[in-house]
N, C-alpha and C. Protein backbone atom coordinates (compact mmCIF):
# COMPACT_ATOMS: atom_id res chain seq x y z
N UNK A 1 26.43 -13.05 10.78
CA UNK A 1 26.03 -12.28 10.25
C UNK A 1 24.15 -11.76 9.13
N UNK A 2 23.99 -10.69 9.53
CA UNK A 2 22.28 -10.68 9.00
C UNK A 2 22.47 -10.83 7.39
N UNK A 3 21.23 -11.26 6.72
CA UNK A 3 21.33 -11.31 5.06
C UNK A 3 21.31 -10.14 4.57
N UNK A 4 21.61 -10.09 3.64
CA UNK A 4 21.94 -8.74 2.12
C UNK A 4 20.49 -9.15 2.32
N UNK A 5 19.82 -7.89 1.76
CA UNK A 5 18.29 -6.98 1.11
C UNK A 5 18.69 -6.91 0.04
N UNK A 6 18.30 -7.64 -0.94
CA UNK A 6 18.69 -7.15 -2.29
C UNK A 6 17.69 -6.06 -2.70
N UNK A 7 18.08 -4.63 -3.53
CA UNK A 7 16.39 -3.86 -3.79
C UNK A 7 16.97 -3.43 -5.09
N UNK A 8 15.58 -3.18 -5.40
CA UNK A 8 15.60 -2.81 -6.86
C UNK A 8 15.15 -1.65 -6.44
N UNK A 9 15.12 -0.34 -7.40
CA UNK A 9 14.82 1.14 -7.11
C UNK A 9 14.03 1.99 -8.53
N UNK A 10 12.88 1.63 -8.72
CA UNK A 10 12.08 2.21 -10.01
C UNK A 10 11.46 3.42 -9.71
N UNK A 11 12.17 4.30 -10.54
CA UNK A 11 12.10 5.95 -10.72
C UNK A 11 11.89 6.49 -12.22
N UNK A 12 11.73 6.88 -12.51
CA UNK A 12 12.13 7.94 -13.55
C UNK A 12 13.18 8.89 -13.78
N UNK A 13 13.13 9.31 -12.82
CA UNK A 13 14.18 10.83 -12.51
C UNK A 13 15.60 9.94 -11.98
N UNK A 14 16.37 10.24 -12.65
CA UNK A 14 17.84 9.60 -11.83
C UNK A 14 18.26 10.08 -10.96
N UNK A 15 17.87 11.34 -10.63
CA UNK A 15 18.46 12.06 -9.45
C UNK A 15 17.84 11.74 -8.24
N UNK A 16 16.48 11.29 -8.54
CA UNK A 16 16.08 10.22 -7.29
C UNK A 16 16.61 9.43 -6.80
N UNK A 17 16.35 8.46 -7.96
CA UNK A 17 17.84 7.27 -7.71
C UNK A 17 18.47 7.17 -7.34
N UNK A 18 19.51 8.14 -7.60
CA UNK A 18 21.05 7.98 -7.24
C UNK A 18 20.54 8.49 -5.77
N UNK A 19 19.60 9.81 -5.28
CA UNK A 19 19.83 10.02 -3.51
C UNK A 19 19.31 9.07 -2.87
N UNK A 20 18.26 8.38 -3.38
CA UNK A 20 17.78 7.22 -2.74
C UNK A 20 18.87 5.96 -2.53
N UNK A 21 19.72 5.81 -3.65
CA UNK A 21 21.11 4.84 -3.50
C UNK A 21 21.84 5.15 -2.61
N UNK A 22 22.07 6.02 -2.47
CA UNK A 22 23.19 7.52 -1.23
C UNK A 22 23.06 7.23 0.09
N UNK A 23 21.24 7.29 0.51
CA UNK A 23 20.59 7.36 1.64
C UNK A 23 21.06 5.73 1.96
N UNK A 24 20.58 4.66 1.03
CA UNK A 24 20.11 3.45 1.66
C UNK A 24 21.69 3.09 2.08
N UNK A 25 22.23 3.83 1.36
CA UNK A 25 23.89 3.19 1.97
C UNK A 25 24.61 3.50 3.37
N UNK A 26 24.00 4.85 3.36
CA UNK A 26 24.65 5.14 4.69
C UNK A 26 23.34 4.84 6.07
N UNK A 27 22.50 3.79 5.71
CA UNK A 27 21.68 3.24 6.48
C UNK A 27 22.02 2.09 7.22
N UNK A 28 22.26 1.39 6.53
CA UNK A 28 22.75 -0.13 6.72
C UNK A 28 23.50 -0.83 5.80
N UNK A 29 24.45 -1.75 6.34
CA UNK A 29 25.49 -2.39 5.21
C UNK A 29 24.52 -3.47 4.37
N UNK A 30 23.50 -4.01 4.78
CA UNK A 30 22.64 -4.69 4.62
C UNK A 30 21.99 -4.38 3.35
N UNK A 31 21.67 -3.38 3.46
CA UNK A 31 20.96 -2.54 2.10
C UNK A 31 22.04 -2.42 0.92
N UNK A 32 21.67 -3.44 -0.22
CA UNK A 32 22.07 -3.94 -1.51
C UNK A 32 21.18 -3.74 -2.39
N UNK A 33 21.46 -2.29 -3.14
CA UNK A 33 20.79 -2.09 -4.43
C UNK A 33 21.59 -2.85 -5.91
N UNK A 34 21.05 -3.89 -6.49
CA UNK A 34 21.12 -4.11 -7.97
C UNK A 34 20.66 -4.03 -8.94
N UNK A 35 19.84 -3.33 -8.79
CA UNK A 35 18.90 -2.97 -9.97
C UNK A 35 18.77 -1.58 -9.85
N UNK A 36 18.80 -0.95 -10.66
CA UNK A 36 18.15 1.00 -11.21
C UNK A 36 17.01 0.52 -12.61
N UNK A 37 15.80 0.90 -12.35
CA UNK A 37 15.48 1.35 -13.17
C UNK A 37 14.27 2.40 -13.57
N UNK A 38 13.87 3.00 -14.70
CA UNK A 38 13.29 4.23 -15.34
C UNK A 38 11.49 3.77 -15.42
N UNK A 39 11.35 2.93 -15.43
CA UNK A 39 9.79 2.60 -15.34
C UNK A 39 9.44 0.88 -15.16
N UNK A 40 8.50 0.76 -15.09
CA UNK A 40 8.24 -0.72 -14.94
C UNK A 40 8.73 -1.41 -16.13
N UNK A 41 8.66 -0.88 -17.22
CA UNK A 41 8.83 -1.95 -18.24
C UNK A 41 10.48 -2.82 -18.48
N UNK A 42 11.35 -1.48 -18.15
CA UNK A 42 13.10 -0.87 -17.71
C UNK A 42 13.09 -2.30 -16.44
N UNK A 43 12.53 -2.44 -15.67
CA UNK A 43 12.98 -3.05 -14.71
C UNK A 43 12.28 -4.37 -15.19
N UNK A 44 10.51 -5.12 -15.96
CA UNK A 44 11.05 -6.42 -16.07
C UNK A 44 11.69 -7.03 -17.11
N UNK A 45 12.32 -5.50 -18.00
CA UNK A 45 13.43 -6.58 -18.76
C UNK A 45 14.47 -6.35 -18.25
N UNK A 46 14.95 -5.84 -17.43
CA UNK A 46 16.41 -5.77 -16.48
C UNK A 46 16.30 -7.05 -15.16
N UNK A 47 14.99 -7.74 -14.60
CA UNK A 47 14.71 -8.96 -14.22
C UNK A 47 14.81 -10.54 -14.76
N UNK A 48 14.84 -10.63 -16.15
CA UNK A 48 14.91 -11.18 -17.24
C UNK A 48 16.66 -11.90 -17.28
N UNK A 49 17.51 -10.61 -17.15
CA UNK A 49 19.04 -10.70 -17.07
C UNK A 49 19.94 -10.51 -15.43
N UNK A 50 18.70 -10.35 -14.77
CA UNK A 50 19.69 -10.37 -13.31
C UNK A 50 18.94 -10.97 -11.89
N UNK A 51 19.61 -10.93 -11.16
CA UNK A 51 18.77 -11.68 -9.93
C UNK A 51 18.08 -10.53 -9.51
N UNK A 52 16.71 -11.80 -8.49
CA UNK A 52 15.12 -11.31 -8.30
C UNK A 52 15.84 -10.49 -6.82
N UNK A 53 15.33 -9.41 -7.02
CA UNK A 53 15.45 -8.65 -5.45
C UNK A 53 14.95 -9.36 -4.48
N UNK A 54 14.65 -8.90 -3.61
CA UNK A 54 14.00 -9.46 -2.29
C UNK A 54 12.86 -8.13 -2.07
N UNK A 55 13.10 -6.65 -2.72
CA UNK A 55 12.24 -6.05 -2.52
C UNK A 55 12.32 -5.02 -3.91
N UNK A 56 10.95 -4.23 -3.87
CA UNK A 56 10.91 -3.18 -5.40
C UNK A 56 10.76 -2.21 -4.39
N UNK A 57 11.50 -0.88 -4.49
CA UNK A 57 10.45 0.25 -4.45
C UNK A 57 10.40 1.01 -5.47
N UNK A 58 8.69 0.91 -5.21
CA UNK A 58 8.78 1.14 -6.64
C UNK A 58 7.64 2.86 -6.65
N UNK A 59 8.21 3.38 -7.69
CA UNK A 59 7.05 4.69 -7.88
C UNK A 59 6.31 4.93 -8.38
N UNK A 60 4.93 5.72 -8.22
CA UNK A 60 3.47 4.91 -9.43
C UNK A 60 3.74 6.01 -10.82
N UNK A 61 3.39 7.18 -10.90
CA UNK A 61 4.08 7.72 -12.17
C UNK A 61 5.63 8.02 -12.77
N UNK A 62 5.18 6.90 -13.82
CA UNK A 62 6.33 6.49 -14.63
C UNK A 62 5.58 6.73 -16.29
N UNK A 63 6.53 7.04 -17.18
CA UNK A 63 6.23 7.03 -18.72
C UNK A 63 6.01 5.53 -18.75
N UNK A 64 5.86 5.11 -19.58
CA UNK A 64 5.75 3.51 -20.60
C UNK A 64 4.83 2.64 -19.60
N UNK A 65 5.67 2.56 -18.28
CA UNK A 65 4.77 1.27 -17.96
C UNK A 65 4.63 1.95 -16.41
N UNK A 66 3.38 2.00 -15.77
CA UNK A 66 3.43 2.89 -14.28
C UNK A 66 3.36 1.82 -13.08
N UNK A 67 3.69 2.73 -12.02
CA UNK A 67 3.47 2.00 -10.58
C UNK A 67 2.63 0.63 -10.80
N UNK A 68 1.21 1.53 -11.36
CA UNK A 68 -0.14 0.14 -11.36
C UNK A 68 0.07 -1.13 -12.06
N UNK A 69 0.70 -0.88 -13.23
CA UNK A 69 0.57 -1.54 -14.11
C UNK A 69 2.06 -2.96 -13.90
N UNK A 70 2.83 -2.01 -13.44
CA UNK A 70 4.25 -2.99 -12.90
C UNK A 70 3.78 -3.89 -11.37
N UNK A 71 3.23 -2.85 -10.49
CA UNK A 71 2.80 -3.71 -9.43
C UNK A 71 1.89 -5.15 -10.21
N UNK A 72 0.78 -5.24 -10.77
CA UNK A 72 0.62 -5.85 -11.46
C UNK A 72 0.88 -6.88 -11.85
N UNK A 73 2.22 -6.76 -12.81
CA UNK A 73 3.12 -7.44 -13.76
C UNK A 73 4.09 -8.72 -12.67
N UNK A 74 4.63 -7.24 -11.43
CA UNK A 74 5.37 -8.47 -10.84
C UNK A 74 4.78 -9.21 -9.74
N UNK A 75 3.06 -8.99 -9.54
CA UNK A 75 2.51 -9.76 -8.85
C UNK A 75 2.36 -11.07 -9.59
N UNK A 76 2.07 -10.93 -10.83
CA UNK A 76 1.67 -12.48 -11.78
C UNK A 76 3.35 -13.10 -11.99
N UNK A 77 4.33 -12.15 -11.84
CA UNK A 77 5.37 -12.91 -12.78
C UNK A 77 6.09 -13.38 -11.82
N UNK A 78 6.19 -12.32 -10.68
CA UNK A 78 7.72 -12.50 -9.30
C UNK A 78 6.50 -12.26 -7.77
N UNK A 79 5.76 -13.26 -7.84
CA UNK A 79 4.76 -13.26 -6.40
C UNK A 79 6.15 -12.76 -5.36
N UNK A 80 6.53 -13.75 -5.29
CA UNK A 80 7.67 -13.51 -3.91
C UNK A 80 8.24 -12.26 -4.04
N UNK A 81 8.56 -11.35 -4.82
CA UNK A 81 8.61 -10.16 -4.78
C UNK A 81 8.05 -9.46 -3.70
N UNK A 82 8.73 -8.48 -3.06
CA UNK A 82 7.83 -7.48 -2.06
C UNK A 82 7.86 -6.23 -2.60
N UNK A 83 6.94 -5.32 -2.38
CA UNK A 83 6.78 -3.86 -3.15
C UNK A 83 6.75 -3.32 -2.18
N UNK A 84 7.61 -1.86 -2.09
CA UNK A 84 7.54 -0.94 -1.32
C UNK A 84 6.92 0.46 -2.17
N UNK A 85 5.92 0.90 -2.17
CA UNK A 85 5.49 1.78 -2.76
C UNK A 85 6.50 3.23 -2.53
N UNK A 86 7.01 4.06 -3.35
CA UNK A 86 8.08 5.12 -2.59
C UNK A 86 7.57 6.56 -3.36
N UNK A 87 6.50 7.03 -3.42
CA UNK A 87 5.56 7.61 -4.09
C UNK A 87 5.03 9.29 -3.37
N UNK A 88 4.99 10.19 -4.35
CA UNK A 88 3.93 11.71 -4.07
C UNK A 88 2.63 11.28 -3.94
N UNK A 89 2.90 10.37 -4.82
CA UNK A 89 0.77 9.86 -5.04
C UNK A 89 0.22 9.19 -3.79
N UNK A 90 -0.14 10.44 -2.87
CA UNK A 90 -0.34 9.13 -1.17
C UNK A 90 -1.67 9.19 -1.51
N UNK A 91 -2.75 10.06 -2.29
CA UNK A 91 -3.73 10.02 -2.27
C UNK A 91 -4.93 8.85 -2.54
N UNK A 92 -5.74 8.40 -1.95
CA UNK A 92 -6.72 7.40 -1.58
C UNK A 92 -6.47 6.34 -2.80
N UNK A 93 -7.25 7.02 -3.52
CA UNK A 93 -7.29 7.16 -5.02
C UNK A 93 -6.44 5.98 -5.44
N UNK A 94 -4.81 6.54 -5.38
CA UNK A 94 -3.93 5.64 -5.15
C UNK A 94 -3.53 4.13 -4.38
N UNK A 95 -3.98 4.93 -3.74
CA UNK A 95 -3.30 3.34 -2.27
C UNK A 95 -4.46 2.77 -2.72
N UNK A 96 -5.49 2.82 -2.82
CA UNK A 96 -7.21 1.62 -2.51
C UNK A 96 -6.77 1.13 -4.09
N UNK A 97 -5.65 1.72 -5.49
CA UNK A 97 -5.69 0.83 -6.00
C UNK A 97 -4.56 -0.19 -6.12
N UNK A 98 -3.38 0.42 -5.41
CA UNK A 98 -2.20 -0.17 -5.06
C UNK A 98 -2.29 -1.56 -4.04
N UNK A 99 -3.82 -1.08 -2.97
CA UNK A 99 -3.82 -2.32 -1.78
C UNK A 99 -5.20 -3.70 -2.70
N UNK A 100 -5.36 -3.40 -3.50
CA UNK A 100 -6.14 -4.53 -4.55
C UNK A 100 -5.25 -4.86 -5.37
N UNK A 101 -4.14 -4.56 -5.97
CA UNK A 101 -3.29 -5.03 -6.19
C UNK A 101 -1.90 -6.03 -5.42
N UNK A 102 -2.08 -6.16 -4.43
CA UNK A 102 -1.61 -6.55 -3.34
C UNK A 102 -0.61 -5.89 -2.61
N UNK A 103 0.00 -4.71 -2.51
CA UNK A 103 1.51 -4.04 -1.98
C UNK A 103 1.17 -3.71 -0.91
N UNK A 104 2.10 -3.85 0.11
CA UNK A 104 1.59 -3.77 1.42
C UNK A 104 2.49 -2.60 2.40
N UNK A 105 3.16 -1.71 1.38
CA UNK A 105 3.88 -0.93 1.86
C UNK A 105 3.42 0.44 1.40
N UNK A 106 3.85 1.45 2.00
CA UNK A 106 3.78 2.35 1.29
C UNK A 106 4.19 3.90 2.03
N UNK A 107 5.16 4.07 1.56
CA UNK A 107 5.62 5.95 1.82
C UNK A 107 5.36 6.88 0.47
N UNK A 108 5.43 8.47 1.42
CA UNK A 108 5.83 9.23 0.84
C UNK A 108 6.95 9.88 0.91
N UNK A 109 7.45 10.14 -0.97
CA UNK A 109 9.08 10.63 -0.86
C UNK A 109 9.82 11.57 0.24
N UNK A 110 8.74 11.94 1.32
CA UNK A 110 9.11 12.92 1.76
C UNK A 110 9.67 12.70 3.18
N UNK A 111 9.73 11.36 3.21
CA UNK A 111 9.82 10.25 4.64
C UNK A 111 11.06 10.55 4.71
N UNK A 112 11.54 10.58 6.27
CA UNK A 112 12.86 10.72 6.87
C UNK A 112 13.38 9.05 6.79
N UNK A 113 15.07 9.70 6.16
CA UNK A 113 15.52 8.65 6.47
C UNK A 113 15.55 6.88 7.05
N UNK A 114 15.04 7.68 8.10
CA UNK A 114 15.47 6.49 9.62
C UNK A 114 13.87 5.98 9.65
N UNK A 115 13.21 6.42 8.99
CA UNK A 115 11.48 5.39 8.48
C UNK A 115 11.53 4.46 7.58
N UNK A 116 12.30 5.20 6.25
CA UNK A 116 13.12 4.73 5.17
C UNK A 116 13.29 3.19 5.73
N UNK A 117 14.17 3.62 6.70
CA UNK A 117 14.45 1.98 6.67
C UNK A 117 14.21 1.16 7.13
N UNK A 118 13.45 1.75 8.46
CA UNK A 118 12.08 1.05 9.35
C UNK A 118 11.14 0.49 7.94
N UNK A 119 10.94 0.85 7.35
CA UNK A 119 9.62 0.74 6.34
C UNK A 119 10.69 -0.54 5.07
N UNK A 120 11.74 -0.47 5.38
CA UNK A 120 12.36 -1.22 4.41
C UNK A 120 12.07 -2.56 5.31
N UNK A 121 12.94 -2.56 6.34
CA UNK A 121 12.99 -4.05 7.83
C UNK A 121 11.61 -4.54 7.90
N UNK A 122 10.57 -3.36 7.55
CA UNK A 122 9.59 -4.37 7.97
C UNK A 122 8.52 -5.27 7.10
N UNK A 123 8.78 -4.63 5.44
CA UNK A 123 8.45 -5.04 4.61
C UNK A 123 9.15 -6.58 4.34
N UNK A 124 10.31 -6.21 4.95
CA UNK A 124 11.64 -7.42 4.31
C UNK A 124 10.94 -8.64 5.84
N UNK A 125 10.86 -8.35 6.48
CA UNK A 125 11.01 -9.37 7.67
C UNK A 125 9.25 -9.64 8.03
N UNK A 126 8.72 -9.03 7.63
CA UNK A 126 6.82 -9.06 8.00
C UNK A 126 6.58 -8.82 7.10
N UNK A 127 6.53 -8.37 5.90
CA UNK A 127 5.61 -8.73 4.72
C UNK A 127 5.17 -7.60 4.33
N UNK A 128 5.01 -6.65 5.41
CA UNK A 128 4.23 -5.44 4.84
C UNK A 128 4.32 -4.04 5.84
N UNK A 129 4.34 -3.04 5.82
CA UNK A 129 4.76 -2.01 6.01
C UNK A 129 3.39 -0.94 6.24
N UNK A 130 3.03 -0.23 6.94
CA UNK A 130 1.83 0.98 7.31
C UNK A 130 2.58 2.12 8.02
N UNK A 131 1.60 3.23 8.79
CA UNK A 131 2.32 4.40 8.87
C UNK A 131 1.76 3.70 10.94
N UNK A 132 2.22 4.54 11.44
CA UNK A 132 2.68 3.81 12.74
C UNK A 132 0.83 4.09 13.24
N UNK A 133 0.15 5.06 12.99
CA UNK A 133 -1.62 4.96 13.06
C UNK A 133 -2.48 3.59 12.30
N UNK A 134 -2.19 3.74 10.88
CA UNK A 134 -2.77 1.74 10.86
C UNK A 134 -2.26 0.74 11.50
N UNK A 135 -0.88 1.18 11.60
CA UNK A 135 -0.80 0.00 12.33
C UNK A 135 -1.33 -0.09 13.41
N UNK A 136 -0.98 0.88 14.51
CA UNK A 136 -1.90 0.75 15.75
C UNK A 136 -2.87 0.17 15.79
N UNK A 137 -3.63 0.21 14.21
CA UNK A 137 -5.18 0.00 14.25
C UNK A 137 -5.50 -1.48 14.16
N UNK A 138 -4.65 -1.75 12.88
CA UNK A 138 -4.83 -3.20 12.83
C UNK A 138 -4.31 -3.76 13.39
N UNK A 139 -3.12 -3.73 15.07
CA UNK A 139 -3.51 -4.68 15.83
C UNK A 139 -4.50 -4.64 17.15
N UNK A 140 -4.85 -3.54 16.65
CA UNK A 140 -6.07 -3.71 17.79
C UNK A 140 -7.14 -4.06 17.14
N UNK A 141 -7.46 -3.75 15.68
CA UNK A 141 -8.79 -5.13 14.80
C UNK A 141 -8.33 -6.34 15.10
N UNK A 142 -7.04 -6.82 14.63
CA UNK A 142 -7.34 -8.05 15.27
C UNK A 142 -7.28 -8.65 16.52
N UNK A 143 -7.30 -7.99 17.29
CA UNK A 143 -7.25 -8.12 18.84
C UNK A 143 -8.39 -7.76 19.49
N UNK A 144 -9.46 -7.30 18.81
CA UNK A 144 -10.76 -6.60 19.42
C UNK A 144 -12.35 -7.40 18.01
N UNK A 145 -11.62 -7.81 17.54
CA UNK A 145 -12.70 -7.15 15.78
C UNK A 145 -12.59 -8.84 14.69
N UNK A 146 -14.24 -9.11 14.80
CA UNK A 146 -13.88 -10.35 13.89
C UNK A 146 -15.00 -10.42 13.06
N UNK A 147 -15.27 -10.62 11.96
CA UNK A 147 -16.08 -10.61 10.78
C UNK A 147 -17.50 -10.30 11.53
N UNK A 148 -17.86 -11.43 12.09
CA UNK A 148 -19.26 -11.34 13.22
C UNK A 148 -19.51 -10.25 13.30
N UNK A 149 -18.23 -9.41 14.02
CA UNK A 149 -18.50 -8.83 14.97
C UNK A 149 -19.09 -7.49 14.32
N UNK A 150 -18.70 -7.02 12.88
CA UNK A 150 -19.25 -6.00 12.20
C UNK A 150 -20.39 -6.28 12.08
N UNK A 151 -21.04 -7.79 11.69
CA UNK A 151 -22.11 -7.93 11.22
C UNK A 151 -23.12 -7.29 11.82
N UNK A 152 -22.72 -7.07 14.01
CA UNK A 152 -23.62 -7.00 14.84
C UNK A 152 -23.58 -5.22 15.09
N UNK A 153 -21.88 -4.91 14.82
CA UNK A 153 -21.57 -3.38 14.91
C UNK A 153 -22.11 -2.12 14.63
N UNK A 154 -22.01 -2.88 13.04
CA UNK A 154 -22.76 -1.63 11.89
C UNK A 154 -23.74 -1.98 11.45
N UNK A 155 -24.63 -1.26 11.01
CA UNK A 155 -26.02 -1.25 10.47
C UNK A 155 -26.07 -2.17 8.91
N UNK A 156 -27.30 -2.30 8.08
CA UNK A 156 -26.63 -2.73 6.92
C UNK A 156 -26.45 -2.27 5.76
N UNK A 157 -26.61 -0.76 5.95
CA UNK A 157 -26.83 0.45 5.16
C UNK A 157 -25.13 0.85 5.54
N UNK A 158 -24.36 0.83 6.43
CA UNK A 158 -23.02 0.99 6.85
C UNK A 158 -22.30 -0.51 6.31
N UNK A 159 -22.22 -1.07 6.43
CA UNK A 159 -21.85 -2.51 6.06
C UNK A 159 -21.90 -2.30 4.05
N UNK A 160 -22.70 -2.03 3.92
CA UNK A 160 -23.00 -1.97 2.56
C UNK A 160 -21.68 -1.11 2.09
N UNK A 161 -22.20 0.30 2.86
CA UNK A 161 -21.24 1.68 2.88
C UNK A 161 -19.52 1.17 3.22
N UNK A 162 -19.11 0.36 4.14
CA UNK A 162 -18.13 0.23 4.15
C UNK A 162 -17.86 -1.39 2.93
N UNK A 163 -18.64 -2.18 1.82
CA UNK A 163 -17.60 -2.52 1.32
C UNK A 163 -17.57 -1.59 0.30
N UNK A 164 -18.64 -0.93 -0.18
CA UNK A 164 -18.28 0.44 -1.46
C UNK A 164 -16.65 0.52 -1.04
N UNK A 165 -17.01 1.17 -0.29
CA UNK A 165 -15.22 2.05 -0.08
C UNK A 165 -14.39 1.61 0.04
N UNK A 166 -14.24 -0.39 -0.37
CA UNK A 166 -13.36 -0.83 -0.59
C UNK A 166 -12.83 -0.98 -2.00
N UNK A 167 -13.75 0.01 -2.87
CA UNK A 167 -13.60 0.09 -4.24
C UNK A 167 -12.51 1.40 -5.13
N UNK A 168 -12.82 1.94 -5.96
CA UNK A 168 -12.21 3.13 -6.30
C UNK A 168 -13.32 4.62 -6.19
N UNK A 169 -13.80 3.87 -6.27
CA UNK A 169 -15.43 4.92 -6.28
C UNK A 169 -15.08 6.41 -5.10
N UNK A 170 -15.46 7.32 -5.85
CA UNK A 170 -15.67 8.73 -4.43
C UNK A 170 -16.95 8.48 -4.40
N UNK A 171 -16.94 9.49 -2.43
CA UNK A 171 -18.05 9.12 -1.27
C UNK A 171 -18.95 9.58 -2.66
N UNK A 172 -18.69 10.30 -3.92
CA UNK A 172 -19.92 10.91 -4.10
C UNK A 172 -20.18 9.65 -5.02
N UNK A 173 -19.70 8.95 -5.60
CA UNK A 173 -20.07 8.06 -6.21
C UNK A 173 -20.75 6.97 -5.10
N UNK A 174 -20.37 7.04 -4.40
CA UNK A 174 -21.40 5.96 -3.35
C UNK A 174 -22.38 6.49 -3.23
N UNK A 175 -22.50 7.22 -3.00
CA UNK A 175 -23.98 7.68 -2.86
C UNK A 175 -24.90 7.37 -3.76
N UNK A 176 -24.28 7.60 -5.43
CA UNK A 176 -25.29 7.06 -6.39
C UNK A 176 -25.44 5.45 -6.38
N UNK A 177 -24.62 4.95 -6.27
CA UNK A 177 -25.03 3.24 -6.24
C UNK A 177 -26.11 3.18 -4.99
N UNK A 178 -25.71 3.49 -3.34
CA UNK A 178 -26.89 3.23 -2.52
C UNK A 178 -28.10 4.31 -2.93
N UNK A 179 -28.36 5.31 -4.31
CA UNK A 179 -29.19 5.96 -3.84
C UNK A 179 -29.84 6.99 -2.82
N UNK A 180 -28.72 7.52 -2.16
CA UNK A 180 -28.43 8.69 -1.52
C UNK A 180 -28.27 9.54 -1.95
N UNK A 181 -28.21 10.66 -0.21
CA UNK A 181 -27.66 11.87 -0.71
C UNK A 181 -25.96 11.61 -0.54
N UNK A 182 -25.31 12.95 -0.46
CA UNK A 182 -23.41 12.77 -0.38
C UNK A 182 -23.98 12.89 1.43
N UNK A 183 -24.21 14.20 1.76
CA UNK A 183 -24.85 14.18 2.77
C UNK A 183 -24.80 13.09 3.34
N UNK A 184 -25.68 12.13 3.22
CA UNK A 184 -25.81 10.79 3.89
C UNK A 184 -24.98 9.69 4.51
N UNK A 185 -24.19 9.83 2.91
CA UNK A 185 -22.92 9.11 2.62
C UNK A 185 -21.90 9.30 3.80
N UNK A 186 -21.70 10.96 4.16
CA UNK A 186 -20.58 11.55 4.82
C UNK A 186 -21.06 11.03 6.45
N UNK A 187 -22.30 11.07 6.40
CA UNK A 187 -23.11 10.53 8.15
C UNK A 187 -22.60 9.22 8.28
N UNK A 188 -22.68 8.55 6.91
CA UNK A 188 -22.01 6.53 7.63
C UNK A 188 -21.35 6.50 7.82
N UNK A 189 -20.14 7.32 6.70
CA UNK A 189 -18.65 7.83 6.73
C UNK A 189 -18.12 8.24 8.39
N UNK A 190 -18.93 8.68 8.95
CA UNK A 190 -18.34 9.34 10.02
C UNK A 190 -19.08 8.86 11.58
N UNK A 191 -19.90 7.83 11.10
CA UNK A 191 -20.24 6.83 12.05
C UNK A 191 -19.46 5.55 11.99
N UNK A 192 -19.25 4.80 10.96
CA UNK A 192 -18.49 3.89 10.53
C UNK A 192 -17.36 4.18 11.21
N UNK A 193 -16.58 5.07 11.21
CA UNK A 193 -15.26 5.80 11.73
C UNK A 193 -15.02 5.85 13.26
N UNK A 194 -16.34 5.75 13.61
CA UNK A 194 -16.06 6.22 14.74
C UNK A 194 -16.03 5.13 15.58
N UNK A 195 -17.22 4.25 15.24
CA UNK A 195 -17.51 2.65 15.61
C UNK A 195 -15.89 2.14 15.26
N UNK A 196 -15.69 1.82 14.39
CA UNK A 196 -14.17 0.99 14.21
C UNK A 196 -13.36 1.88 14.91
N UNK A 197 -13.77 3.46 15.42
CA UNK A 197 -12.15 3.82 15.83
C UNK A 197 -10.83 4.18 14.91
N UNK A 198 -11.26 4.82 13.32
CA UNK A 198 -10.78 4.72 12.38
C UNK A 198 -11.10 6.57 12.33
N UNK A 199 -9.54 6.57 10.95
CA UNK A 199 -9.57 8.08 10.84
C UNK A 199 -9.30 8.34 9.62
N UNK A 200 -8.87 7.31 8.69
CA UNK A 200 -8.98 7.68 7.10
C UNK A 200 -9.39 6.44 6.72
N UNK A 201 -10.02 6.65 5.17
CA UNK A 201 -10.53 5.82 4.67
C UNK A 201 -9.41 4.65 3.86
N UNK A 202 -8.48 4.61 4.12
CA UNK A 202 -7.04 3.33 4.05
C UNK A 202 -7.35 2.83 4.25
N UNK A 203 -6.98 3.32 5.76
CA UNK A 203 -7.60 2.62 7.47
C UNK A 203 -8.22 2.04 7.51
N UNK A 204 -9.64 2.29 7.20
CA UNK A 204 -10.82 1.46 6.84
C UNK A 204 -10.46 0.11 5.82
N UNK A 205 -9.93 0.14 4.58
CA UNK A 205 -10.22 -0.76 4.09
C UNK A 205 -8.83 -1.35 4.34
N UNK A 206 -7.83 -1.53 5.37
CA UNK A 206 -6.73 -2.40 5.82
C UNK A 206 -7.53 -3.27 6.80
N UNK A 207 -8.33 -2.50 7.64
CA UNK A 207 -8.98 -2.95 8.72
C UNK A 207 -9.82 -4.20 7.76
N UNK A 208 -10.98 -3.58 6.47
CA UNK A 208 -11.70 -4.80 6.07
C UNK A 208 -11.35 -5.55 5.47
N UNK A 209 -9.67 -5.38 4.80
CA UNK A 209 -9.09 -6.80 4.59
C UNK A 209 -8.62 -7.78 5.49
N UNK A 210 -8.26 -7.08 6.50
CA UNK A 210 -7.56 -7.80 7.85
C UNK A 210 -8.40 -8.48 7.88
N UNK A 211 -9.95 -8.39 8.40
CA UNK A 211 -10.81 -9.00 9.17
C UNK A 211 -11.89 -10.25 8.33
N UNK A 212 -11.31 -9.77 6.71
CA UNK A 212 -11.12 -10.92 5.81
C UNK A 212 -12.97 -10.34 5.31
N UNK A 213 -13.38 -9.03 5.54
CA UNK A 213 -14.87 -8.17 5.34
C UNK A 213 -15.07 -8.33 4.25
N UNK A 214 -13.93 -8.18 3.38
CA UNK A 214 -13.92 -8.11 1.77
C UNK A 214 -12.84 -8.63 1.69
N UNK A 215 -12.73 -9.34 0.22
CA UNK A 215 -11.62 -10.05 -0.67
C UNK A 215 -11.40 -8.90 -1.72
N UNK A 216 -10.25 -8.49 -1.93
CA UNK A 216 -9.73 -7.71 -3.00
C UNK A 216 -9.52 -8.63 -3.94
N UNK A 217 -10.09 -8.77 -5.47
CA UNK A 217 -9.06 -8.92 -6.34
C UNK A 217 -7.84 -8.84 -7.11
């Protein structure tokens, strides 16, 4: 018999939490929701008196303690707990911040139930979950690239752009730091995407982390 996966759901909307619980109950008997919390602080308080979950489904926008602060606290106090961000905030800035906090999975709240099941199982079994496009790219990255290859493939300015892209800076701010025009930065972006066969900035960051071109704190 397969082991149960203990799950905590952290979202400030009761209806959302209830909906997720109902969906999980129909997806797999392995999914066992042991904690419901309406914000990060509520979760941390409940972790003191409840079993520690295997996975936390974490929203980003919440009062009192948001998803970013919650992820930071979990990483420090409960490093073995795996976090799957389940949020409407899937913009690049939010994803970059979560990557820097060690979060390895992101899904939008509009995800189909079967994909949510896949995400949870992937996080539990493999420690990470990415969209099909990201996952496919990461596989090819491991097979085809090493850090030294990037030194040969990208120009010095493109490598600088790659490092700065792994921050929370906008492309305009990156242009200012490199003392270049936004148009030039967009040219570097298009060139780097083309050379690395990428389509998104988040994919670029995942790639850079995977080959240890950058190390995020």
